[in-house]
Full PDB file with SEQRES, HELIX, SHEET, SSBOND, CRYST1, ORIGX, SCALE, CONECT and MASTER records, all heavy atoms in Angstrom:
SEQRES   1 A   37  ARG LEU ILE GLU PHE ASP GLU HIS ASN GLY LEU LEU SER          
SEQRES   2 A   37  ALA GLU ALA GLY ILE THR PHE SER ALA ILE LEU ALA VAL          
SEQRES   3 A   37  ILE VAL PRO LYS GLY TRP PHE LEU PRO VAL SER                  
HELIX    1 AA1 PHE A   20  ILE A   27  1                                   8    
HELIX    2 AA2 VAL A   28  LYS A   30  5                                   3    
SHEET    1 AA1 2 LEU A   2  ASP A   6  0                                        
SHEET    2 AA1 2 LEU A  11  ALA A  14 -1                                        
CRYST1    1.000    1.000    1.000  90.00  90.00  90.00 P 1           1          
ORIGX1      1.000000  0.000000  0.000000        0.00000                         
ORIGX2      0.000000  1.000000  0.000000        0.00000                         
ORIGX3      0.000000  0.000000  1.000000        0.00000                         
SCALE1      1.000000  0.000000  0.000000        0.00000                         
SCALE2      0.000000  1.000000  0.000000        0.00000                         
SCALE3      0.000000  0.000000  1.000000        0.00000                         
ATOM      1  N   ARG A   1     120.096-227.129-251.548  1.00  0.00           N  
ATOM      2  CA  ARG A   1     121.422-226.854-250.934  1.00  0.00           C  
ATOM      3  C   ARG A   1     122.081-225.636-251.531  1.00  0.00           C  
ATOM      4  O   ARG A   1     121.988-225.424-252.764  1.00  0.00           O  
ATOM      5  CB  ARG A   1     122.324-228.102-251.123  1.00  0.00           C  
ATOM      6  CG  ARG A   1     121.949-229.315-250.348  1.00  0.00           C  
ATOM      7  CD  ARG A   1     123.009-230.373-250.480  1.00  0.00           C  
ATOM      8  NE  ARG A   1     123.375-230.604-251.841  1.00  0.00           N  
ATOM      9  CZ  ARG A   1     124.601-230.465-252.369  1.00  0.00           C  
ATOM     10  NH1 ARG A   1     125.604-230.035-251.584  1.00  0.00           N  
ATOM     11  NH2 ARG A   1     124.877-230.693-253.615  1.00  0.00           N  
ATOM     12  N   LEU A   2     122.790-224.914-250.715  1.00  0.00           N  
ATOM     13  CA  LEU A   2     123.747-223.887-251.218  1.00  0.00           C  
ATOM     14  C   LEU A   2     125.056-224.563-251.501  1.00  0.00           C  
ATOM     15  O   LEU A   2     125.659-225.163-250.557  1.00  0.00           O  
ATOM     16  CB  LEU A   2     123.900-222.774-250.131  1.00  0.00           C  
ATOM     17  CG  LEU A   2     124.800-221.619-250.485  1.00  0.00           C  
ATOM     18  CD1 LEU A   2     124.210-220.824-251.609  1.00  0.00           C  
ATOM     19  CD2 LEU A   2     124.983-220.721-249.284  1.00  0.00           C  
ATOM     20  N   ILE A   3     125.489-224.604-252.716  1.00  0.00           N  
ATOM     21  CA  ILE A   3     126.658-225.372-253.115  1.00  0.00           C  
ATOM     22  C   ILE A   3     127.931-224.579-252.848  1.00  0.00           C  
ATOM     23  O   ILE A   3     128.937-225.112-252.295  1.00  0.00           O  
ATOM     24  CB  ILE A   3     126.580-225.789-254.595  1.00  0.00           C  
ATOM     25  CG1 ILE A   3     125.337-226.669-254.804  1.00  0.00           C  
ATOM     26  CG2 ILE A   3     127.834-226.483-255.080  1.00  0.00           C  
ATOM     27  CD1 ILE A   3     125.026-226.914-256.286  1.00  0.00           C  
ATOM     28  N   GLU A   4     127.996-223.341-253.270  1.00  0.00           N  
ATOM     29  CA  GLU A   4     129.190-222.528-253.134  1.00  0.00           C  
ATOM     30  C   GLU A   4     128.859-221.052-253.203  1.00  0.00           C  
ATOM     31  O   GLU A   4     127.993-220.609-253.950  1.00  0.00           O  
ATOM     32  CB  GLU A   4     130.218-222.841-254.258  1.00  0.00           C  
ATOM     33  CG  GLU A   4     131.536-222.128-254.088  1.00  0.00           C  
ATOM     34  CD  GLU A   4     132.565-222.503-255.175  1.00  0.00           C  
ATOM     35  OE1 GLU A   4     132.181-223.275-256.096  1.00  0.00           O  
ATOM     36  OE2 GLU A   4     133.675-221.954-255.119  1.00  0.00           O  
ATOM     37  N   PHE A   5     129.523-220.256-252.363  1.00  0.00           N  
ATOM     38  CA  PHE A   5     129.341-218.815-252.360  1.00  0.00           C  
ATOM     39  C   PHE A   5     130.679-218.145-252.362  1.00  0.00           C  
ATOM     40  O   PHE A   5     131.426-218.173-251.388  1.00  0.00           O  
ATOM     41  CB  PHE A   5     128.512-218.392-251.104  1.00  0.00           C  
ATOM     42  CG  PHE A   5     128.295-216.892-250.989  1.00  0.00           C  
ATOM     43  CD1 PHE A   5     128.259-216.050-252.100  1.00  0.00           C  
ATOM     44  CD2 PHE A   5     128.083-216.310-249.731  1.00  0.00           C  
ATOM     45  CE1 PHE A   5     128.087-214.673-251.975  1.00  0.00           C  
ATOM     46  CE2 PHE A   5     127.869-214.962-249.608  1.00  0.00           C  
ATOM     47  CZ  PHE A   5     127.900-214.160-250.702  1.00  0.00           C  
ATOM     48  N   ASP A   6     131.022-217.526-253.536  1.00  0.00           N  
ATOM     49  CA  ASP A   6     132.280-216.786-253.671  1.00  0.00           C  
ATOM     50  C   ASP A   6     132.012-215.363-253.182  1.00  0.00           C  
ATOM     51  O   ASP A   6     131.494-214.524-253.986  1.00  0.00           O  
ATOM     52  CB  ASP A   6     132.697-216.811-255.151  1.00  0.00           C  
ATOM     53  CG  ASP A   6     133.972-216.049-255.421  1.00  0.00           C  
ATOM     54  OD1 ASP A   6     134.429-215.281-254.538  1.00  0.00           O  
ATOM     55  OD2 ASP A   6     134.536-216.243-256.538  1.00  0.00           O  
ATOM     56  N   GLU A   7     132.369-215.099-251.925  1.00  0.00           N  
ATOM     57  CA  GLU A   7     132.061-213.806-251.339  1.00  0.00           C  
ATOM     58  C   GLU A   7     132.859-212.665-251.935  1.00  0.00           C  
ATOM     59  O   GLU A   7     132.487-211.489-251.884  1.00  0.00           O  
ATOM     60  CB  GLU A   7     132.292-213.864-249.839  1.00  0.00           C  
ATOM     61  CG  GLU A   7     131.416-214.864-249.118  1.00  0.00           C  
ATOM     62  CD  GLU A   7     131.771-214.914-247.628  1.00  0.00           C  
ATOM     63  OE1 GLU A   7     132.320-213.936-247.107  1.00  0.00           O  
ATOM     64  OE2 GLU A   7     131.502-215.967-247.000  1.00  0.00           O  
ATOM     65  N   HIS A   8     133.993-212.989-252.535  1.00  0.00           N  
ATOM     66  CA  HIS A   8     134.874-211.964-253.129  1.00  0.00           C  
ATOM     67  C   HIS A   8     134.318-211.469-254.425  1.00  0.00           C  
ATOM     68  O   HIS A   8     134.287-210.227-254.739  1.00  0.00           O  
ATOM     69  CB  HIS A   8     136.305-212.491-253.301  1.00  0.00           C  
ATOM     70  CG  HIS A   8     137.251-211.499-253.905  1.00  0.00           C  
ATOM     71  ND1 HIS A   8     137.698-210.387-253.233  1.00  0.00           N  
ATOM     72  CD2 HIS A   8     137.811-211.457-255.148  1.00  0.00           C  
ATOM     73  CE1 HIS A   8     138.490-209.690-254.040  1.00  0.00           C  
ATOM     74  NE2 HIS A   8     138.564-210.316-255.204  1.00  0.00           N  
ATOM     75  N   ASN A   9     133.860-212.383-255.292  1.00  0.00           N  
ATOM     76  CA  ASN A   9     133.395-212.017-256.629  1.00  0.00           C  
ATOM     77  C   ASN A   9     131.888-212.004-256.757  1.00  0.00           C  
ATOM     78  O   ASN A   9     131.378-211.639-257.871  1.00  0.00           O  
ATOM     79  CB  ASN A   9     133.988-213.018-257.654  1.00  0.00           C  
ATOM     80  CG  ASN A   9     135.463-212.917-257.759  1.00  0.00           C  
ATOM     81  OD1 ASN A   9     136.012-211.861-258.029  1.00  0.00           O  
ATOM     82  ND2 ASN A   9     136.150-214.075-257.533  1.00  0.00           N  
ATOM     83  N   GLY A  10     131.124-212.343-255.701  1.00  0.00           N  
ATOM     84  CA  GLY A  10     129.720-212.300-255.784  1.00  0.00           C  
ATOM     85  C   GLY A  10     129.094-213.309-256.687  1.00  0.00           C  
ATOM     86  O   GLY A  10     128.140-213.047-257.474  1.00  0.00           O  
ATOM     87  N   LEU A  11     129.603-214.539-256.654  1.00  0.00           N  
ATOM     88  CA  LEU A  11     129.054-215.655-257.412  1.00  0.00           C  
ATOM     89  C   LEU A  11     128.464-216.647-256.467  1.00  0.00           C  
ATOM     90  O   LEU A  11     129.141-217.034-255.474  1.00  0.00           O  
ATOM     91  CB  LEU A  11     130.106-216.293-258.294  1.00  0.00           C  
ATOM     92  CG  LEU A  11     130.692-215.443-259.460  1.00  0.00           C  
ATOM     93  CD1 LEU A  11     131.783-216.176-260.160  1.00  0.00           C  
ATOM     94  CD2 LEU A  11     129.566-215.136-260.446  1.00  0.00           C  
ATOM     95  N   LEU A  12     127.281-217.130-256.747  1.00  0.00           N  
ATOM     96  CA  LEU A  12     126.629-218.071-255.873  1.00  0.00           C  
ATOM     97  C   LEU A  12     126.103-219.262-256.694  1.00  0.00           C  
ATOM     98  O   LEU A  12     125.429-219.098-257.717  1.00  0.00           O  
ATOM     99  CB  LEU A  12     125.432-217.492-255.116  1.00  0.00           C  
ATOM    100  CG  LEU A  12     124.649-218.360-254.182  1.00  0.00           C  
ATOM    101  CD1 LEU A  12     124.335-217.610-252.884  1.00  0.00           C  
ATOM    102  CD2 LEU A  12     123.340-218.834-254.841  1.00  0.00           C  
ATOM    103  N   SER A  13     126.394-220.466-256.228  1.00  0.00           N  
ATOM    104  CA  SER A  13     125.939-221.702-256.869  1.00  0.00           C  
ATOM    105  C   SER A  13     125.043-222.404-255.898  1.00  0.00           C  
ATOM    106  O   SER A  13     125.372-222.581-254.718  1.00  0.00           O  
ATOM    107  CB  SER A  13     127.086-222.633-257.237  1.00  0.00           C  
ATOM    108  OG  SER A  13     127.949-222.020-258.205  1.00  0.00           O  
ATOM    109  N   ALA A  14     123.838-222.820-256.374  1.00  0.00           N  
ATOM    110  CA  ALA A  14     122.889-223.501-255.472  1.00  0.00           C  
ATOM    111  C   ALA A  14     122.018-224.433-256.277  1.00  0.00           C  
ATOM    112  O   ALA A  14     121.946-224.339-257.527  1.00  0.00           O  
ATOM    113  CB  ALA A  14     122.012-222.445-254.743  1.00  0.00           C  
ATOM    114  N   GLU A  15     121.384-225.345-255.539  1.00  0.00           N  
ATOM    115  CA  GLU A  15     120.414-226.228-256.227  1.00  0.00           C  
ATOM    116  C   GLU A  15     119.138-225.462-256.532  1.00  0.00           C  
ATOM    117  O   GLU A  15     118.792-224.434-255.892  1.00  0.00           O  
ATOM    118  CB  GLU A  15     120.125-227.435-255.308  1.00  0.00           C  
ATOM    119  CG  GLU A  15     121.308-228.386-255.163  1.00  0.00           C  
ATOM    120  CD  GLU A  15     120.965-229.593-254.323  1.00  0.00           C  
ATOM    121  OE1 GLU A  15     120.188-229.491-253.361  1.00  0.00           O  
ATOM    122  OE2 GLU A  15     121.628-230.641-254.584  1.00  0.00           O  
ATOM    123  N   ALA A  16     118.402-226.006-257.480  1.00  0.00           N  
ATOM    124  CA  ALA A  16     117.280-225.266-258.054  1.00  0.00           C  
ATOM    125  C   ALA A  16     116.089-225.080-257.088  1.00  0.00           C  
ATOM    126  O   ALA A  16     115.295-224.154-257.283  1.00  0.00           O  
ATOM    127  CB  ALA A  16     116.777-225.953-259.300  1.00  0.00           C  
ATOM    128  N   GLY A  17     115.987-225.877-256.029  1.00  0.00           N  
ATOM    129  CA  GLY A  17     114.851-225.786-255.144  1.00  0.00           C  
ATOM    130  C   GLY A  17     115.037-224.794-254.024  1.00  0.00           C  
ATOM    131  O   GLY A  17     114.108-224.574-253.211  1.00  0.00           O  
ATOM    132  N   ILE A  18     116.205-224.146-253.913  1.00  0.00           N  
ATOM    133  CA  ILE A  18     116.410-223.207-252.880  1.00  0.00           C  
ATOM    134  C   ILE A  18     115.571-221.922-253.158  1.00  0.00           C  
ATOM    135  O   ILE A  18     115.386-221.550-254.299  1.00  0.00           O  
ATOM    136  CB  ILE A  18     117.941-222.834-252.783  1.00  0.00           C  
ATOM    137  CG1 ILE A  18     118.231-222.087-251.427  1.00  0.00           C  
ATOM    138  CG2 ILE A  18     118.382-221.981-253.933  1.00  0.00           C  
ATOM    139  CD1 ILE A  18     119.732-221.899-251.209  1.00  0.00           C  
ATOM    140  N   THR A  19     115.069-221.322-252.089  1.00  0.00           N  
ATOM    141  CA  THR A  19     114.220-220.140-252.288  1.00  0.00           C  
ATOM    142  C   THR A  19     115.048-218.891-252.273  1.00  0.00           C  
ATOM    143  O   THR A  19     116.160-218.836-251.699  1.00  0.00           O  
ATOM    144  CB  THR A  19     113.131-220.032-251.180  1.00  0.00           C  
ATOM    145  OG1 THR A  19     113.752-219.921-249.940  1.00  0.00           O  
ATOM    146  CG2 THR A  19     112.222-221.245-251.241  1.00  0.00           C  
ATOM    147  N   PHE A  20     114.552-217.788-252.824  1.00  0.00           N  
ATOM    148  CA  PHE A  20     115.181-216.518-252.714  1.00  0.00           C  
ATOM    149  C   PHE A  20     115.402-216.072-251.283  1.00  0.00           C  
ATOM    150  O   PHE A  20     116.360-215.447-250.903  1.00  0.00           O  
ATOM    151  CB  PHE A  20     114.417-215.443-253.465  1.00  0.00           C  
ATOM    152  CG  PHE A  20     114.735-215.368-254.954  1.00  0.00           C  
ATOM    153  CD1 PHE A  20     115.347-216.432-255.575  1.00  0.00           C  
ATOM    154  CD2 PHE A  20     114.409-214.251-255.701  1.00  0.00           C  
ATOM    155  CE1 PHE A  20     115.683-216.354-256.930  1.00  0.00           C  
ATOM    156  CE2 PHE A  20     114.720-214.161-257.028  1.00  0.00           C  
ATOM    157  CZ  PHE A  20     115.345-215.271-257.653  1.00  0.00           C  
ATOM    158  N   SER A  21     114.398-216.350-250.402  1.00  0.00           N  
ATOM    159  CA  SER A  21     114.507-215.945-249.032  1.00  0.00           C  
ATOM    160  C   SER A  21     115.686-216.632-248.354  1.00  0.00           C  
ATOM    161  O   SER A  21     116.413-216.004-247.529  1.00  0.00           O  
ATOM    162  CB  SER A  21     113.241-216.285-248.239  1.00  0.00           C  
ATOM    163  OG  SER A  21     112.903-217.635-248.324  1.00  0.00           O  
ATOM    164  N   ALA A  22     115.939-217.932-248.640  1.00  0.00           N  
ATOM    165  CA  ALA A  22     117.112-218.645-248.110  1.00  0.00           C  
ATOM    166  C   ALA A  22     118.397-218.030-248.610  1.00  0.00           C  
ATOM    167  O   ALA A  22     119.388-217.990-247.867  1.00  0.00           O  
ATOM    168  CB  ALA A  22     116.981-220.091-248.416  1.00  0.00           C  
ATOM    169  N   ILE A  23     118.423-217.667-249.885  1.00  0.00           N  
ATOM    170  CA  ILE A  23     119.636-217.076-250.429  1.00  0.00           C  
ATOM    171  C   ILE A  23     119.921-215.751-249.781  1.00  0.00           C  
ATOM    172  O   ILE A  23     121.049-215.430-249.424  1.00  0.00           O  
ATOM    173  CB  ILE A  23     119.463-216.918-252.004  1.00  0.00           C  
ATOM    174  CG1 ILE A  23     119.445-218.277-252.672  1.00  0.00           C  
ATOM    175  CG2 ILE A  23     120.593-216.036-252.552  1.00  0.00           C  
ATOM    176  CD1 ILE A  23     119.108-218.240-254.211  1.00  0.00           C  
ATOM    177  N   LEU A  24     118.886-214.924-249.639  1.00  0.00           N  
ATOM    178  CA  LEU A  24     119.095-213.603-249.021  1.00  0.00           C  
ATOM    179  C   LEU A  24     119.658-213.667-247.617  1.00  0.00           C  
ATOM    180  O   LEU A  24     120.437-212.818-247.198  1.00  0.00           O  
ATOM    181  CB  LEU A  24     117.766-212.817-249.080  1.00  0.00           C  
ATOM    182  CG  LEU A  24     117.312-212.362-250.448  1.00  0.00           C  
ATOM    183  CD1 LEU A  24     115.815-211.927-250.412  1.00  0.00           C  
ATOM    184  CD2 LEU A  24     118.180-211.170-250.930  1.00  0.00           C  
ATOM    185  N   ALA A  25     119.179-214.643-246.883  1.00  0.00           N  
ATOM    186  CA  ALA A  25     119.667-214.808-245.475  1.00  0.00           C  
ATOM    187  C   ALA A  25     121.166-215.003-245.437  1.00  0.00           C  
ATOM    188  O   ALA A  25     121.860-214.653-244.457  1.00  0.00           O  
ATOM    189  CB  ALA A  25     118.930-215.946-244.802  1.00  0.00           C  
ATOM    190  N   VAL A  26     121.734-215.597-246.490  1.00  0.00           N  
ATOM    191  CA  VAL A  26     123.164-215.853-246.552  1.00  0.00           C  
ATOM    192  C   VAL A  26     123.940-214.729-247.126  1.00  0.00           C  
ATOM    193  O   VAL A  26     125.004-214.335-246.605  1.00  0.00           O  
ATOM    194  CB  VAL A  26     123.407-217.163-247.365  1.00  0.00           C  
ATOM    195  CG1 VAL A  26     124.902-217.369-247.557  1.00  0.00           C  
ATOM    196  CG2 VAL A  26     122.819-218.353-246.668  1.00  0.00           C  
ATOM    197  N   ILE A  27     123.435-214.115-248.193  1.00  0.00           N  
ATOM    198  CA  ILE A  27     124.268-213.160-248.973  1.00  0.00           C  
ATOM    199  C   ILE A  27     124.185-211.707-248.435  1.00  0.00           C  
ATOM    200  O   ILE A  27     125.141-210.986-248.554  1.00  0.00           O  
ATOM    201  CB  ILE A  27     123.897-213.190-250.464  1.00  0.00           C  
ATOM    202  CG1 ILE A  27     122.460-212.685-250.717  1.00  0.00           C  
ATOM    203  CG2 ILE A  27     124.104-214.570-251.023  1.00  0.00           C  
ATOM    204  CD1 ILE A  27     122.139-212.570-252.200  1.00  0.00           C  
ATOM    205  N   VAL A  28     123.058-211.311-247.870  1.00  0.00           N  
ATOM    206  CA  VAL A  28     122.933-209.920-247.412  1.00  0.00           C  
ATOM    207  C   VAL A  28     123.952-209.576-246.344  1.00  0.00           C  
ATOM    208  O   VAL A  28     124.592-208.519-246.464  1.00  0.00           O  
ATOM    209  CB  VAL A  28     121.483-209.629-246.982  1.00  0.00           C  
ATOM    210  CG1 VAL A  28     121.405-208.260-246.281  1.00  0.00           C  
ATOM    211  CG2 VAL A  28     120.515-209.638-248.134  1.00  0.00           C  
ATOM    212  N   PRO A  29     124.185-210.395-245.301  1.00  0.00           N  
ATOM    213  CA  PRO A  29     125.195-210.020-244.297  1.00  0.00           C  
ATOM    214  C   PRO A  29     126.584-209.905-244.881  1.00  0.00           C  
ATOM    215  O   PRO A  29     127.463-209.332-244.260  1.00  0.00           O  
ATOM    216  CB  PRO A  29     125.071-211.158-243.333  1.00  0.00           C  
ATOM    217  CG  PRO A  29     123.692-211.693-243.455  1.00  0.00           C  
ATOM    218  CD  PRO A  29     123.423-211.574-244.909  1.00  0.00           C  
ATOM    219  N   LYS A  30     126.789-210.494-246.048  1.00  0.00           N  
ATOM    220  CA  LYS A  30     128.136-210.432-246.679  1.00  0.00           C  
ATOM    221  C   LYS A  30     128.220-209.267-247.690  1.00  0.00           C  
ATOM    222  O   LYS A  30     129.253-209.161-248.414  1.00  0.00           O  
ATOM    223  CB  LYS A  30     128.442-211.761-247.384  1.00  0.00           C  
ATOM    224  CG  LYS A  30     128.415-212.961-246.466  1.00  0.00           C  
ATOM    225  CD  LYS A  30     129.478-212.894-245.385  1.00  0.00           C  
ATOM    226  CE  LYS A  30     129.481-214.162-244.487  1.00  0.00           C  
ATOM    227  NZ  LYS A  30     130.515-214.074-243.423  1.00  0.00           N  
ATOM    228  N   GLY A  31     127.186-208.495-247.801  1.00  0.00           N  
ATOM    229  CA  GLY A  31     127.247-207.351-248.685  1.00  0.00           C  
ATOM    230  C   GLY A  31     126.859-207.607-250.127  1.00  0.00           C  
ATOM    231  O   GLY A  31     127.310-206.917-251.044  1.00  0.00           O  
ATOM    232  N   TRP A  32     125.960-208.558-250.318  1.00  0.00           N  
ATOM    233  CA  TRP A  32     125.500-208.884-251.669  1.00  0.00           C  
ATOM    234  C   TRP A  32     123.986-208.963-251.694  1.00  0.00           C  
ATOM    235  O   TRP A  32     123.337-209.239-250.681  1.00  0.00           O  
ATOM    236  CB  TRP A  32     126.121-210.192-252.183  1.00  0.00           C  
ATOM    237  CG  TRP A  32     127.602-210.139-252.294  1.00  0.00           C  
ATOM    238  CD1 TRP A  32     128.495-210.524-251.389  1.00  0.00           C  
ATOM    239  CD2 TRP A  32     128.352-209.615-253.393  1.00  0.00           C  
ATOM    240  NE1 TRP A  32     129.789-210.329-251.808  1.00  0.00           N  
ATOM    241  CE2 TRP A  32     129.724-209.761-253.096  1.00  0.00           C  
ATOM    242  CE3 TRP A  32     128.018-209.058-254.613  1.00  0.00           C  
ATOM    243  CZ2 TRP A  32     130.746-209.359-253.940  1.00  0.00           C  
ATOM    244  CZ3 TRP A  32     129.019-208.651-255.500  1.00  0.00           C  
ATOM    245  CH2 TRP A  32     130.389-208.821-255.152  1.00  0.00           C  
ATOM    246  N   PHE A  33     123.426-208.828-252.871  1.00  0.00           N  
ATOM    247  CA  PHE A  33     121.970-208.908-253.036  1.00  0.00           C  
ATOM    248  C   PHE A  33     121.617-209.573-254.364  1.00  0.00           C  
ATOM    249  O   PHE A  33     122.462-209.640-255.272  1.00  0.00           O  
ATOM    250  CB  PHE A  33     121.350-207.492-253.046  1.00  0.00           C  
ATOM    251  CG  PHE A  33     119.861-207.483-252.642  1.00  0.00           C  
ATOM    252  CD1 PHE A  33     119.490-207.624-251.319  1.00  0.00           C  
ATOM    253  CD2 PHE A  33     118.916-207.300-253.597  1.00  0.00           C  
ATOM    254  CE1 PHE A  33     118.147-207.649-250.936  1.00  0.00           C  
ATOM    255  CE2 PHE A  33     117.551-207.271-253.264  1.00  0.00           C  
ATOM    256  CZ  PHE A  33     117.183-207.473-251.950  1.00  0.00           C  
ATOM    257  N   LEU A  34     120.423-210.060-254.464  1.00  0.00           N  
ATOM    258  CA  LEU A  34     119.958-210.671-255.709  1.00  0.00           C  
ATOM    259  C   LEU A  34     119.916-209.637-256.815  1.00  0.00           C  
ATOM    260  O   LEU A  34     119.442-208.511-256.586  1.00  0.00           O  
ATOM    261  CB  LEU A  34     118.519-211.296-255.516  1.00  0.00           C  
ATOM    262  CG  LEU A  34     118.456-212.495-254.651  1.00  0.00           C  
ATOM    263  CD1 LEU A  34     117.024-212.771-254.225  1.00  0.00           C  
ATOM    264  CD2 LEU A  34     119.024-213.728-255.384  1.00  0.00           C  
ATOM    265  N   PRO A  35     120.339-210.004-258.008  1.00  0.00           N  
ATOM    266  CA  PRO A  35     120.420-208.998-259.068  1.00  0.00           C  
ATOM    267  C   PRO A  35     119.045-208.554-259.574  1.00  0.00           C  
ATOM    268  O   PRO A  35     118.885-207.419-260.049  1.00  0.00           O  
ATOM    269  CB  PRO A  35     121.204-209.737-260.162  1.00  0.00           C  
ATOM    270  CG  PRO A  35     120.923-211.188-259.938  1.00  0.00           C  
ATOM    271  CD  PRO A  35     120.831-211.315-258.455  1.00  0.00           C  
ATOM    272  N   VAL A  36     118.066-209.417-259.482  1.00  0.00           N  
ATOM    273  CA  VAL A  36     116.694-209.143-259.878  1.00  0.00           C  
ATOM    274  C   VAL A  36     115.782-209.914-258.988  1.00  0.00           C  
ATOM    275  O   VAL A  36     116.046-211.093-258.676  1.00  0.00           O  
ATOM    276  CB  VAL A  36     116.440-209.574-261.355  1.00  0.00           C  
ATOM    277  CG1 VAL A  36     114.946-209.475-261.717  1.00  0.00           C  
ATOM    278  CG2 VAL A  36     117.256-208.782-262.377  1.00  0.00           C  
ATOM    279  N   SER A  37     114.745-209.270-258.488  1.00  0.00           N  
ATOM    280  CA  SER A  37     113.844-209.944-257.603  1.00  0.00           C  
ATOM    281  C   SER A  37     112.422-209.527-257.866  1.00  0.00           C  
ATOM    282  O   SER A  37     112.077-208.322-257.981  1.00  0.00           O  
ATOM    283  CB  SER A  37     114.171-209.566-256.142  1.00  0.00           C  
ATOM    284  OG  SER A  37     113.441-210.386-255.233  1.00  0.00           O  
TER     285      SER A  37                                                      
MASTER        0    0    0    2    2    0    0    6  284    1    0    3          
END                                                                             
């Protein structure tokens, strides 16, 4: 599960089983990216 996404400050909270691909699908359209991949 994606728990919380602070779009203003670029903070994302999620459960440990979420994949990077699932995270990217949410954050990229909002102007954010993974810090290391």
